[in-house]
C-alpha atoms as a PDB file:
ATOM      1  CA  UNK A   1     -21.860  -2.382  -9.292  1.00  0.00           C
ATOM      2  CA  UNK A   2     -18.587  -0.845  -8.409  1.00  0.00           C
ATOM      3  CA  UNK A   3     -18.706   3.135  -8.208  1.00  0.00           C
ATOM      4  CA  UNK A   4     -15.209   4.183  -8.195  1.00  0.00           C
ATOM      5  CA  UNK A   5     -16.025   7.855  -8.235  1.00  0.00           C
ATOM      6  CA  UNK A   6     -18.045   7.630  -5.089  1.00  0.00           C
ATOM      7  CA  UNK A   7     -15.591   5.337  -3.438  1.00  0.00           C
ATOM      8  CA  UNK A   8     -12.991   8.104  -4.127  1.00  0.00           C
ATOM      9  CA  UNK A   9     -15.163  11.081  -3.024  1.00  0.00           C
ATOM     10  CA  UNK A  10     -15.525   8.915   0.420  1.00  0.00           C
ATOM     11  CA  UNK A  11     -11.893   8.440   0.895  1.00  0.00           C
ATOM     12  CA  UNK A  12     -11.139  11.842   0.111  1.00  0.00           C
ATOM     13  CA  UNK A  13     -13.600  13.120   2.683  1.00  0.00           C
ATOM     14  CA  UNK A  14     -11.932  10.987   5.211  1.00  0.00           C
ATOM     15  CA  UNK A  15      -8.401  12.536   4.860  1.00  0.00           C
ATOM     16  CA  UNK A  16      -8.890  15.132   7.423  1.00  0.00           C
ATOM     17  CA  UNK A  17     -11.397  12.928   9.550  1.00  0.00           C
ATOM     18  CA  UNK A  18     -10.509  11.483  13.096  1.00  0.00           C
ATOM     19  CA  UNK A  19      -8.780  12.557  16.116  1.00  0.00           C
ATOM     20  CA  UNK A  20      -5.827  12.338  15.190  1.00  0.00           C
ATOM     21  CA  UNK A  21      -6.764  13.182  11.448  1.00  0.00           C
ATOM     22  CA  UNK A  22      -5.743  10.411   8.942  1.00  0.00           C
ATOM     23  CA  UNK A  23      -3.143  12.711   7.155  1.00  0.00           C
ATOM     24  CA  UNK A  24      -1.585  12.930  10.423  1.00  0.00           C
ATOM     25  CA  UNK A  25      -1.397   9.167  10.791  1.00  0.00           C
ATOM     26  CA  UNK A  26       0.003   8.947   7.427  1.00  0.00           C
ATOM     27  CA  UNK A  27       2.659  11.460   8.526  1.00  0.00           C
ATOM     28  CA  UNK A  28       3.717   9.368  11.694  1.00  0.00           C
ATOM     29  CA  UNK A  29       3.817   6.230   9.367  1.00  0.00           C
ATOM     30  CA  UNK A  30       6.055   7.739   6.474  1.00  0.00           C
ATOM     31  CA  UNK A  31       8.416   9.085   9.385  1.00  0.00           C
ATOM     32  CA  UNK A  32       8.409   5.543  11.013  1.00  0.00           C
ATOM     33  CA  UNK A  33       9.047   3.861   7.530  1.00  0.00           C
ATOM     34  CA  UNK A  34      10.477   5.570   4.820  1.00  0.00           C
ATOM     35  CA  UNK A  35      12.335   8.233   7.084  1.00  0.00           C
ATOM     36  CA  UNK A  36      13.899   5.307   9.111  1.00  0.00           C
ATOM     37  CA  UNK A  37      14.838   3.203   6.145  1.00  0.00           C
ATOM     38  CA  UNK A  38      16.449   6.227   4.255  1.00  0.00           C
ATOM     39  CA  UNK A  39      18.365   7.650   7.119  1.00  0.00           C
ATOM     40  CA  UNK A  40      19.434   4.423   8.343  1.00  0.00           C
ATOM     41  CA  UNK A  41      20.934   3.600   4.881  1.00  0.00           C
ATOM     42  CA  UNK A  42      23.089   6.695   5.136  1.00  0.00           C
ATOM     43  CA  UNK A  43      24.310   5.732   8.555  1.00  0.00           C
ATOM     44  CA  UNK A  44      24.996   2.063   7.393  1.00  0.00           C
ATOM     45  CA  UNK A  45      24.996   1.835   3.565  1.00  0.00           C
ATOM     46  CA  UNK A  46      22.863  -1.057   2.007  1.00  0.00           C
ATOM     47  CA  UNK A  47      25.205  -2.779  -0.439  1.00  0.00           C
ATOM     48  CA  UNK A  48      22.000  -3.543  -2.868  1.00  0.00           C
ATOM     49  CA  UNK A  49      21.911   0.342  -3.261  1.00  0.00           C
ATOM     50  CA  UNK A  50      25.596   0.136  -4.462  1.00  0.00           C
ATOM     51  CA  UNK A  51      24.417  -2.877  -6.641  1.00  0.00           C
ATOM     52  CA  UNK A  52      21.633  -0.595  -8.236  1.00  0.00           C
ATOM     53  CA  UNK A  53      24.072   2.345  -8.895  1.00  0.00           C
ATOM     54  CA  UNK A  54      27.004   0.249 -10.363  1.00  0.00           C
ATOM     55  CA  UNK A  55      24.502  -1.333 -12.707  1.00  0.00           C
ATOM     56  CA  UNK A  56      23.152   1.753 -13.841  1.00  0.00           C
ATOM     57  CA  UNK A  57      26.379   3.343 -14.570  1.00  0.00           C
ATOM     58  CA  UNK A  58      27.498   0.270 -16.450  1.00  0.00           C
ATOM     59  CA  UNK A  59      24.132   0.030 -18.681  1.00  0.00           C
ATOM     60  CA  UNK A  60      24.498   3.656 -19.520  1.00  0.00           C
ATOM     61  CA  UNK A  61      27.944   2.981 -20.550  1.00  0.00           C
ATOM     62  CA  UNK A  62      27.005   0.121 -22.656  1.00  0.00           C
ATOM     63  CA  UNK A  63      24.219   2.091 -24.575  1.00  0.00           C
ATOM     64  CA  UNK A  64      26.857   4.665 -25.510  1.00  0.00           C
ATOM     65  CA  UNK A  65      29.487   1.935 -26.624  1.00  0.00           C
ATOM     66  CA  UNK A  66      26.687  -0.016 -28.481  1.00  0.00           C
ATOM     67  CA  UNK A  67      26.367   2.995 -30.783  1.00  0.00           C
ATOM     68  CA  UNK A  68      29.675   2.024 -32.206  1.00  0.00           C
ATOM     69  CA  UNK A  69      29.354  -1.902 -31.703  1.00  0.00           C
ATOM     70  CA  UNK A  70      26.639  -4.279 -31.258  1.00  0.00           C
ATOM     71  CA  UNK A  71      28.935  -6.787 -29.218  1.00  0.00           C
ATOM     72  CA  UNK A  72      29.267  -6.902 -25.457  1.00  0.00           C
ATOM     73  CA  UNK A  73      32.589  -8.536 -24.550  1.00  0.00           C
ATOM     74  CA  UNK A  74      32.876 -11.170 -22.226  1.00  0.00           C
ATOM     75  CA  UNK A  75      35.612  -8.923 -20.542  1.00  0.00           C
ATOM     76  CA  UNK A  76      33.097  -6.210 -19.731  1.00  0.00           C
ATOM     77  CA  UNK A  77      30.500  -8.734 -18.369  1.00  0.00           C
ATOM     78  CA  UNK A  78      33.204 -10.245 -16.196  1.00  0.00           C
ATOM     79  CA  UNK A  79      34.108  -6.774 -14.808  1.00  0.00           C
ATOM     80  CA  UNK A  80      30.399  -6.075 -13.972  1.00  0.00           C
ATOM     81  CA  UNK A  81      30.294  -9.261 -12.182  1.00  0.00           C
ATOM     82  CA  UNK A  82      33.494  -8.760 -10.029  1.00  0.00           C
ATOM     83  CA  UNK A  83      32.140  -5.245  -9.074  1.00  0.00           C
ATOM     84  CA  UNK A  84      28.852  -6.569  -8.112  1.00  0.00           C
ATOM     85  CA  UNK A  85      30.191  -9.453  -5.930  1.00  0.00           C
ATOM     86  CA  UNK A  86      32.698  -6.913  -4.491  1.00  0.00           C
ATOM     87  CA  UNK A  87      29.712  -4.945  -2.931  1.00  0.00           C
ATOM     88  CA  UNK A  88      29.067  -7.676  -0.497  1.00  0.00           C
ATOM     89  CA  UNK A  89      32.307  -8.625   0.789  1.00  0.00           C
ATOM     90  CA  UNK A  90      33.269  -7.437   4.153  1.00  0.00           C
ATOM     91  CA  UNK A  91      31.886  -6.869   7.676  1.00  0.00           C
ATOM     92  CA  UNK A  92      30.206  -3.390   6.693  1.00  0.00           C
ATOM     93  CA  UNK A  93      28.485  -4.889   3.841  1.00  0.00           C
ATOM     94  CA  UNK A  94      27.028  -7.968   6.005  1.00  0.00           C
ATOM     95  CA  UNK A  95      25.979  -5.337   8.571  1.00  0.00           C
ATOM     96  CA  UNK A  96      24.329  -3.239   5.707  1.00  0.00           C
ATOM     97  CA  UNK A  97      22.325  -6.135   4.525  1.00  0.00           C
ATOM     98  CA  UNK A  98      21.236  -7.218   8.046  1.00  0.00           C
ATOM     99  CA  UNK A  99      19.964  -3.603   8.833  1.00  0.00           C
ATOM    100  CA  UNK A 100      18.295  -3.512   5.773  1.00  0.00           C
ATOM    101  CA  UNK A 101      16.518  -6.680   6.164  1.00  0.00           C
ATOM    102  CA  UNK A 102      15.407  -5.814   9.755  1.00  0.00           C
ATOM    103  CA  UNK A 103      13.954  -2.561   8.823  1.00  0.00           C
ATOM    104  CA  UNK A 104      12.022  -4.112   5.914  1.00  0.00           C
ATOM    105  CA  UNK A 105      10.633  -6.680   8.401  1.00  0.00           C
ATOM    106  CA  UNK A 106       9.554  -3.759  10.872  1.00  0.00           C
ATOM    107  CA  UNK A 107       8.196  -1.740   7.758  1.00  0.00           C
ATOM    108  CA  UNK A 108       6.062  -4.818   6.924  1.00  0.00           C
ATOM    109  CA  UNK A 109       4.398  -4.783  10.540  1.00  0.00           C
ATOM    110  CA  UNK A 110       4.044  -1.231  10.733  1.00  0.00           C
ATOM    111  CA  UNK A 111       2.494  -1.328   7.205  1.00  0.00           C
ATOM    112  CA  UNK A 112      -0.187  -3.595   8.509  1.00  0.00           C
ATOM    113  CA  UNK A 113      -0.976  -1.194  11.201  1.00  0.00           C
ATOM    114  CA  UNK A 114      -1.432   1.504   8.743  1.00  0.00           C
ATOM    115  CA  UNK A 115      -3.906  -0.654   6.687  1.00  0.00           C
ATOM    116  CA  UNK A 116      -5.716  -1.356   9.941  1.00  0.00           C
ATOM    117  CA  UNK A 117      -6.136   2.353  10.652  1.00  0.00           C
ATOM    118  CA  UNK A 118      -7.347   2.968   6.847  1.00  0.00           C
ATOM    119  CA  UNK A 119      -9.819   0.231   6.941  1.00  0.00           C
ATOM    120  CA  UNK A 120     -11.255   1.284  10.530  1.00  0.00           C
ATOM    121  CA  UNK A 121     -11.864   4.594   9.063  1.00  0.00           C
ATOM    122  CA  UNK A 122     -13.656   3.421   6.124  1.00  0.00           C
ATOM    123  CA  UNK A 123     -15.603   1.348   8.300  1.00  0.00           C
ATOM    124  CA  UNK A 124     -16.707   4.240  10.664  1.00  0.00           C
ATOM    125  CA  UNK A 125     -14.757   3.030  13.595  1.00  0.00           C
ATOM    126  CA  UNK A 126     -12.161   4.639  15.894  1.00  0.00           C
ATOM    127  CA  UNK A 127      -8.679   4.414  13.927  1.00  0.00           C
ATOM    128  CA  UNK A 128      -6.977   3.739  17.171  1.00  0.00           C
ATOM    129  CA  UNK A 129      -4.608   6.582  16.434  1.00  0.00           C
ATOM    130  CA  UNK A 130      -1.067   6.674  16.302  1.00  0.00           C
ATOM    131  CA  UNK A 131      -0.649   3.538  18.529  1.00  0.00           C
ATOM    132  CA  UNK A 132      -2.625   1.600  16.043  1.00  0.00           C
ATOM    133  CA  UNK A 133       0.551   1.710  13.537  1.00  0.00           C
ATOM    134  CA  UNK A 134       2.392  -0.257  16.253  1.00  0.00           C
ATOM    135  CA  UNK A 135      -0.251  -2.609  17.558  1.00  0.00           C
ATOM    136  CA  UNK A 136       0.562  -5.840  15.551  1.00  0.00           C
ATOM    137  CA  UNK A 137       4.036  -6.622  16.533  1.00  0.00           C
ATOM    138  CA  UNK A 138       2.615  -9.673  18.361  1.00  0.00           C
ATOM    139  CA  UNK A 139       1.957 -11.294  14.968  1.00  0.00           C
ATOM    140  CA  UNK A 140       4.917  -9.870  13.369  1.00  0.00           C
ATOM    141  CA  UNK A 141       6.131 -13.529  12.259  1.00  0.00           C
ATOM    142  CA  UNK A 142       3.120 -14.226  10.320  1.00  0.00           C
ATOM    143  CA  UNK A 143       3.011 -10.716   8.749  1.00  0.00           C
ATOM    144  CA  UNK A 144       6.551 -11.037   7.657  1.00  0.00           C
ATOM    145  CA  UNK A 145       5.818 -14.515   6.308  1.00  0.00           C
ATOM    146  CA  UNK A 146       2.800 -13.412   4.309  1.00  0.00           C
ATOM    147  CA  UNK A 147       4.886 -10.334   2.822  1.00  0.00           C
ATOM    148  CA  UNK A 148       7.874 -12.772   1.913  1.00  0.00           C
ATOM    149  CA  UNK A 149       5.426 -15.231  -0.018  1.00  0.00           C
ATOM    150  CA  UNK A 150       4.010 -12.290  -1.785  1.00  0.00           C
ATOM    151  CA  UNK A 151       7.288 -11.394  -2.915  1.00  0.00           C
ATOM    152  CA  UNK A 152       8.073 -14.845  -4.041  1.00  0.00           C
ATOM    153  CA  UNK A 153       4.830 -15.574  -6.070  1.00  0.00           C
ATOM    154  CA  UNK A 154       5.025 -12.268  -7.697  1.00  0.00           C
ATOM    155  CA  UNK A 155       8.730 -12.718  -8.705  1.00  0.00           C
ATOM    156  CA  UNK A 156       7.843 -16.214  -9.893  1.00  0.00           C
ATOM    157  CA  UNK A 157       5.153 -14.755 -12.201  1.00  0.00           C
ATOM    158  CA  UNK A 158       7.340 -11.952 -13.263  1.00  0.00           C
ATOM    159  CA  UNK A 159      10.080 -14.645 -14.609  1.00  0.00           C
ATOM    160  CA  UNK A 160       7.327 -15.437 -17.170  1.00  0.00           C
ATOM    161  CA  UNK A 161       6.825 -11.617 -18.415  1.00  0.00           C
ATOM    162  CA  UNK A 162       6.049  -8.504 -16.930  1.00  0.00           C
ATOM    163  CA  UNK A 163       2.431  -8.774 -17.301  1.00  0.00           C
ATOM    164  CA  UNK A 164       1.813 -12.029 -15.370  1.00  0.00           C
ATOM    165  CA  UNK A 165       3.907 -10.525 -12.414  1.00  0.00           C
ATOM    166  CA  UNK A 166       1.465  -7.305 -12.364  1.00  0.00           C
ATOM    167  CA  UNK A 167      -1.597  -9.382 -12.573  1.00  0.00           C
ATOM    168  CA  UNK A 168      -0.233 -11.391  -9.514  1.00  0.00           C
ATOM    169  CA  UNK A 169       0.544  -8.257  -7.425  1.00  0.00           C
ATOM    170  CA  UNK A 170      -2.967  -7.353  -8.041  1.00  0.00           C
ATOM    171  CA  UNK A 171      -4.079 -10.843  -7.032  1.00  0.00           C
ATOM    172  CA  UNK A 172      -2.475 -10.561  -3.417  1.00  0.00           C
ATOM    173  CA  UNK A 173      -3.284  -7.067  -2.926  1.00  0.00           C
ATOM    174  CA  UNK A 174      -5.913  -7.474  -0.088  1.00  0.00           C
ATOM    175  CA  UNK A 175      -3.968 -10.027   1.833  1.00  0.00           C
ATOM    176  CA  UNK A 176      -3.368  -7.880   4.536  1.00  0.00           C
ATOM    177  CA  UNK A 177      -6.887  -6.840   5.039  1.00  0.00           C
ATOM    178  CA  UNK A 178      -7.901 -10.383   5.056  1.00  0.00           C
ATOM    179  CA  UNK A 179      -5.374 -11.003   7.781  1.00  0.00           C
ATOM    180  CA  UNK A 180      -6.403  -7.954   9.787  1.00  0.00           C
ATOM    181  CA  UNK A 181     -10.097  -9.225   9.423  1.00  0.00           C
ATOM    182  CA  UNK A 182      -9.295 -12.893  10.481  1.00  0.00           C
ATOM    183  CA  UNK A 183      -5.912 -12.876  12.338  1.00  0.00           C
ATOM    184  CA  UNK A 184      -6.139 -16.442  13.346  1.00  0.00           C
ATOM    185  CA  UNK A 185      -5.643 -17.667   9.441  1.00  0.00           C
ATOM    186  CA  UNK A 186      -2.486 -18.444   8.166  1.00  0.00           C
ATOM    187  CA  UNK A 187      -0.223 -16.100   5.989  1.00  0.00           C
ATOM    188  CA  UNK A 188      -0.924 -18.384   2.796  1.00  0.00           C
ATOM    189  CA  UNK A 189      -4.598 -18.713   3.630  1.00  0.00           C
ATOM    190  CA  UNK A 190      -4.584 -14.480   3.703  1.00  0.00           C
ATOM    191  CA  UNK A 191      -3.116 -14.703   0.275  1.00  0.00           C
ATOM    192  CA  UNK A 192      -5.591 -17.453  -0.843  1.00  0.00           C
ATOM    193  CA  UNK A 193      -8.453 -15.114   0.312  1.00  0.00           C
ATOM    194  CA  UNK A 194      -7.072 -12.009  -1.516  1.00  0.00           C
ATOM    195  CA  UNK A 195      -6.910 -14.283  -4.593  1.00  0.00           C
ATOM    196  CA  UNK A 196     -10.518 -15.181  -4.330  1.00  0.00           C
ATOM    197  CA  UNK A 197     -11.675 -11.603  -3.483  1.00  0.00           C
ATOM    198  CA  UNK A 198     -10.002 -10.232  -6.419  1.00  0.00           C
ATOM    199  CA  UNK A 199     -11.331 -12.663  -8.882  1.00  0.00           C
ATOM    200  CA  UNK A 200     -12.847 -10.649 -11.714  1.00  0.00           C
ATOM    201  CA  UNK A 201     -12.029  -7.444  -9.748  1.00  0.00           C
ATOM    202  CA  UNK A 202      -8.389  -6.765 -10.809  1.00  0.00           C
ATOM    203  CA  UNK A 203      -9.134  -4.486 -13.775  1.00  0.00           C
ATOM    204  CA  UNK A 204     -11.457  -2.433 -11.372  1.00  0.00           C
ATOM    205  CA  UNK A 205      -8.517  -1.896  -8.825  1.00  0.00           C
ATOM    206  CA  UNK A 206      -6.109  -1.293 -11.926  1.00  0.00           C
ATOM    207  CA  UNK A 207      -8.304   1.576 -13.130  1.00  0.00           C
ATOM    208  CA  UNK A 208      -8.750   3.059  -9.661  1.00  0.00           C
ATOM    209  CA  UNK A 209      -5.043   2.874  -9.264  1.00  0.00           C
ATOM    210  CA  UNK A 210      -4.667   4.597 -12.695  1.00  0.00           C
ATOM    211  CA  UNK A 211      -7.101   7.152 -11.808  1.00  0.00           C
ATOM    212  CA  UNK A 212      -4.820   8.818  -9.462  1.00  0.00           C
ATOM    213  CA  UNK A 213      -2.158   9.272 -12.305  1.00  0.00           C
ATOM    214  CA  UNK A 214      -2.800  13.029 -12.382  1.00  0.00           C
ATOM    215  CA  UNK A 215      -1.872  13.384  -8.571  1.00  0.00           C
ATOM    216  CA  UNK A 216       1.165  11.110  -8.874  1.00  0.00           C
ATOM    217  CA  UNK A 217       2.590  13.093 -11.964  1.00  0.00           C
ATOM    218  CA  UNK A 218       2.095  16.554  -9.890  1.00  0.00           C
ATOM    219  CA  UNK A 219       3.977  14.697  -6.915  1.00  0.00           C
ATOM    220  CA  UNK A 220       6.868  13.860  -8.841  1.00  0.00           C
ATOM    221  CA  UNK A 221       7.077  17.385 -10.498  1.00  0.00           C
ATOM    222  CA  UNK A 222       7.048  18.957  -6.971  1.00  0.00           C
ATOM    223  CA  UNK A 223       9.545  16.452  -5.455  1.00  0.00           C
ATOM    224  CA  UNK A 224      11.737  16.480  -8.249  1.00  0.00           C
ATOM    225  CA  UNK A 225      11.831  20.418  -8.901  1.00  0.00           C
ATOM    226  CA  UNK A 226      12.859  20.668  -5.175  1.00  0.00           C
ATOM    227  CA  UNK A 227      15.664  17.833  -5.348  1.00  0.00           C
ATOM    228  CA  UNK A 228      17.106  19.458  -8.716  1.00  0.00           C
ATOM    229  CA  UNK A 229      17.471  22.669  -7.022  1.00  0.00           C
ATOM    230  CA  UNK A 230      19.193  21.175  -4.070  1.00  0.00           C
ATOM    231  CA  UNK A 231      21.332  18.729  -6.277  1.00  0.00           C
ATOM    232  CA  UNK A 232      22.462  21.959  -8.107  1.00  0.00           C
ATOM    233  CA  UNK A 233      23.523  23.617  -4.808  1.00  0.00           C
ATOM    234  CA  UNK A 234      24.719  20.899  -2.614  1.00  0.00           C
ATOM    235  CA  UNK A 235      25.246  17.777  -4.762  1.00  0.00           C
ATOM    236  CA  UNK A 236      23.808  14.366  -3.676  1.00  0.00           C
ATOM    237  CA  UNK A 237      24.387  14.353  -0.139  1.00  0.00           C
ATOM    238  CA  UNK A 238      22.701  14.333   3.215  1.00  0.00           C
ATOM    239  CA  UNK A 239      20.892  17.711   2.502  1.00  0.00           C
ATOM    240  CA  UNK A 240      19.648  16.433  -0.909  1.00  0.00           C
ATOM    241  CA  UNK A 241      18.389  13.215   0.993  1.00  0.00           C
ATOM    242  CA  UNK A 242      16.621  15.060   3.403  1.00  0.00           C
ATOM    243  CA  UNK A 243      14.793  17.789   1.559  1.00  0.00           C
ATOM    244  CA  UNK A 244      13.695  14.954  -0.846  1.00  0.00           C
ATOM    245  CA  UNK A 245      12.312  13.180   1.880  1.00  0.00           C
ATOM    246  CA  UNK A 246      10.560  16.021   3.358  1.00  0.00           C
ATOM    247  CA  UNK A 247       9.083  17.007  -0.002  1.00  0.00           C
ATOM    248  CA  UNK A 248       7.790  13.379  -0.643  1.00  0.00           C
ATOM    249  CA  UNK A 249       6.242  13.248   3.120  1.00  0.00           C
ATOM    250  CA  UNK A 250       4.483  16.527   2.421  1.00  0.00           C
ATOM    251  CA  UNK A 251       2.796  15.389  -0.455  1.00  0.00           C
ATOM    252  CA  UNK A 252       2.115  11.963   0.872  1.00  0.00           C
ATOM    253  CA  UNK A 253       0.148  13.294   3.640  1.00  0.00           C
ATOM    254  CA  UNK A 254      -2.531  13.917   1.060  1.00  0.00           C
ATOM    255  CA  UNK A 255      -2.037  11.310  -1.594  1.00  0.00           C
ATOM    256  CA  UNK A 256      -0.875   8.323   0.238  1.00  0.00           C
ATOM    257  CA  UNK A 257      -3.823   8.929   2.633  1.00  0.00           C
ATOM    258  CA  UNK A 258      -5.950   9.397  -0.177  1.00  0.00           C
ATOM    259  CA  UNK A 259      -5.021   6.136  -2.271  1.00  0.00           C
ATOM    260  CA  UNK A 260      -4.702   3.810   0.922  1.00  0.00           C
ATOM    261  CA  UNK A 261      -8.155   4.727   2.259  1.00  0.00           C
ATOM    262  CA  UNK A 262      -9.558   4.131  -1.299  1.00  0.00           C
ATOM    263  CA  UNK A 263      -7.929   0.625  -1.320  1.00  0.00           C
ATOM    264  CA  UNK A 264      -9.357  -0.041   2.103  1.00  0.00           C
ATOM    265  CA  UNK A 265     -12.585   0.832   0.772  1.00  0.00           C
ATOM    266  CA  UNK A 266     -12.321  -1.657  -2.486  1.00  0.00           C
ATOM    267  CA  UNK A 267     -11.505  -4.375  -0.055  1.00  0.00           C
ATOM    268  CA  UNK A 268     -15.062  -3.584   1.747  1.00  0.00           C
ATOM    269  CA  UNK A 269     -16.631  -3.516  -1.685  1.00  0.00           C
ATOM    270  CA  UNK A 270     -14.920  -6.844  -2.639  1.00  0.00           C
ATOM    271  CA  UNK A 271     -15.856  -8.303   0.483  1.00  0.00           C
ATOM    272  CA  UNK A 272     -19.522  -7.260  -0.043  1.00  0.00           C
ATOM    273  CA  UNK A 273     -19.784  -5.001   2.933  1.00  0.00           C
ATOM    274  CA  UNK A 274     -20.986  -1.475   3.076  1.00  0.00           C
ATOM    275  CA  UNK A 275     -19.377   0.935   5.257  1.00  0.00           C
ATOM    276  CA  UNK A 276     -21.588   3.746   6.953  1.00  0.00           C
ATOM    277  CA  UNK A 277     -21.423   6.896   4.591  1.00  0.00           C
ATOM    278  CA  UNK A 278     -20.160  10.282   5.545  1.00  0.00           C
ATOM    279  CA  UNK A 279     -22.248  13.060   6.200  1.00  0.00           C
ATOM    280  CA  UNK A 280     -22.152  16.114   4.028  1.00  0.00           C
ATOM    281  CA  UNK A 281     -19.464  18.352   5.396  1.00  0.00           C
ATOM    282  CA  UNK A 282     -16.191  16.880   4.109  1.00  0.00           C
ATOM    283  CA  UNK A 283     -13.189  17.664   6.319  1.00  0.00           C
ATOM    284  CA  UNK A 284     -15.330  19.381   8.891  1.00  0.00           C
ATOM    285  CA  UNK A 285     -18.376  16.965   8.555  1.00  0.00           C
ATOM    286  CA  UNK A 286     -20.200  15.842  11.583  1.00  0.00           C
ATOM    287  CA  UNK A 287     -19.003  12.331  11.334  1.00  0.00           C
ATOM    288  CA  UNK A 288     -20.697   9.071  10.259  1.00  0.00           C
ATOM    289  CA  UNK A 289     -24.245   8.039   9.900  1.00  0.00           C
ATOM    290  CA  UNK A 290     -24.372   5.096  12.313  1.00  0.00           C
ATOM    291  CA  UNK A 291     -27.877   4.408  11.855  1.00  0.00           C
ATOM    292  CA  UNK A 292     -29.044   0.741  11.719  1.00  0.00           C
ATOM    293  CA  UNK A 293     -28.744   0.515   8.034  1.00  0.00           C
ATOM    294  CA  UNK A 294     -26.580   1.856   5.323  1.00  0.00           C
ATOM    295  CA  UNK A 295     -28.763   4.355   4.155  1.00  0.00           C
ATOM    296  CA  UNK A 296     -30.153   5.854   7.311  1.00  0.00           C
ATOM    297  CA  UNK A 297     -32.380   3.521   9.077  1.00  0.00           C
ATOM    298  CA  UNK A 298     -33.265   1.479   6.013  1.00  0.00           C
ATOM    299  CA  UNK A 299     -32.776  -2.177   5.755  1.00  0.00           C
ATOM    300  CA  UNK A 300     -28.970  -3.216   4.886  1.00  0.00           C
ATOM    301  CA  UNK A 301     -29.624  -4.457   1.568  1.00  0.00           C
ATOM    302  CA  UNK A 302     -29.111  -1.426  -0.613  1.00  0.00           C
ATOM    303  CA  UNK A 303     -32.865  -0.571  -0.773  1.00  0.00           C
ATOM    304  CA  UNK A 304     -33.075   1.398   2.544  1.00  0.00           C
ATOM    305  CA  UNK A 305     -34.121   5.076   2.597  1.00  0.00           C
ATOM    306  CA  UNK A 306     -31.755   7.980   1.955  1.00  0.00           C
ATOM    307  CA  UNK A 307     -29.807   9.035   5.075  1.00  0.00           C
ATOM    308  CA  UNK A 308     -26.993  11.557   5.589  1.00  0.00           C
ATOM    309  CA  UNK A 309     -24.059  11.358   2.936  1.00  0.00           C
ATOM    310  CA  UNK A 310     -23.891   9.193  -0.198  1.00  0.00           C
ATOM    311  CA  UNK A 311     -24.106   5.427  -0.930  1.00  0.00           C
ATOM    312  CA  UNK A 312     -20.635   4.480  -2.531  1.00  0.00           C
ATOM    313  CA  UNK A 313     -22.185   1.003  -3.354  1.00  0.00           C
ATOM    314  CA  UNK A 314     -25.864   1.670  -4.199  1.00  0.00           C
ATOM    315  CA  UNK A 315     -27.578  -1.456  -4.850  1.00  0.00           C
ATOM    316  CA  UNK A 316     -25.043  -3.869  -3.757  1.00  0.00           C
ATOM    317  CA  UNK A 317     -26.214  -6.437  -1.294  1.00  0.00           C
ATOM    318  CA  UNK A 318     -24.597  -6.688   2.202  1.00  0.00           C
ATOM    319  CA  UNK A 319     -25.995  -9.884   3.610  1.00  0.00           C
ATOM    320  CA  UNK A 320     -23.152 -11.068   5.321  1.00  0.00           C
ATOM    321  CA  UNK A 321     -22.452 -13.804   3.063  1.00  0.00           C
ATOM    322  CA  UNK A 322     -19.390 -15.880   3.333  1.00  0.00           C
ATOM    323  CA  UNK A 323     -16.867 -15.195   0.847  1.00  0.00           C
ATOM    324  CA  UNK A 324     -14.733 -18.541   1.090  1.00  0.00           C
ATOM    325  CA  UNK A 325     -14.757 -22.175   0.199  1.00  0.00           C
ATOM    326  CA  UNK A 326     -16.819 -21.362  -2.834  1.00  0.00           C
ATOM    327  CA  UNK A 327     -19.972 -21.242  -1.133  1.00  0.00           C
ATOM    328  CA  UNK A 328     -22.314 -18.505  -0.142  1.00  0.00           C
ATOM    329  CA  UNK A 329     -23.691 -19.329   3.358  1.00  0.00           C
ATOM    330  CA  UNK A 330     -26.492 -17.180   4.134  1.00  0.00           C
ATOM    331  CA  UNK A 331     -26.515 -15.170   7.160  1.00  0.00           C
ATOM    332  CA  UNK A 332     -27.558 -12.126   8.590  1.00  0.00           C
ATOM    333  CA  UNK A 333     -24.935  -9.006   9.061  1.00  0.00           C
ATOM    334  CA  UNK A 334     -24.439  -9.774  12.738  1.00  0.00           C
ATOM    335  CA  UNK A 335     -21.603  -7.118  13.120  1.00  0.00           C
ATOM    336  CA  UNK A 336     -18.416  -9.412  12.322  1.00  0.00           C
ATOM    337  CA  UNK A 337     -18.171  -7.404   8.945  1.00  0.00           C
ATOM    338  CA  UNK A 338     -18.876 -10.278   6.665  1.00  0.00           C
ATOM    339  CA  UNK A 339     -16.719 -13.055   8.295  1.00  0.00           C
ATOM    340  CA  UNK A 340     -19.498 -15.378   8.866  1.00  0.00           C
ATOM    341  CA  UNK A 341     -17.656 -17.873  11.529  1.00  0.00           C
END
């Protein structure tokens, strides 16, 4: 049985856990990705941002024009096409695209490091600290290929309709964790493993994501309120960008940490593993119960005696069975976190 509330409770209790704390690792992650991307776009403008702005302005103008006429002239469409193509002309546009692409690739690799830190925390292992974020560049090519394949697959499903695209995004959601647990597999195999793990579980993860909607609305209210005040004072400039980034980062130290730890815990649930419970105490707790079983010293099958903390997946068997190739090959939990070799 999937216990969403207990999983979220465990994730929340780990926000301030570790040395450095998980929320500080999130801070460095956001600075190393979102801040780098946003500030670099100020120095070297990304033409794709200009395309988005041009299209939105055109769309808003079209909606106003449609009130008096339901016909969109060919000349209007041609003008829009010419403006968009013009964004990609010149050396500066080429450099902007190249820089944006390199930063995206770099963010993919750092993102996998962040997934690794969260997964380690949920398993009761040392997170590796800030250096864990930058510890996977030796497999950068595989990570980038996996992310590009995910984008392609999700985009192809999205062409059918919005809903198939959303389903595809959830189908491939755990690919990063699959690659972390078995770095020797190919990028495509990581995606396939995620697909098998998410079979019958996509709605569980969707509901878990939706349960954070209140926190997300609160974050948007805080960020938008500050951004609106700065926009009224200084307009849409560097100060506006920095203040918006700073407000988003402060909120992310809680919310991004919370949601990311929850996602890592969902992977453990889908895999059939049970991470050690957190002992009572929340942020200032005494750490993990490293007994022989999940519930204190009991056997590792969900039937052991009660130890410190709580059981996020009470009654779920953790017998180390392989999830792959459609077979359940029995075996003991030998410390390889469910990947029976």
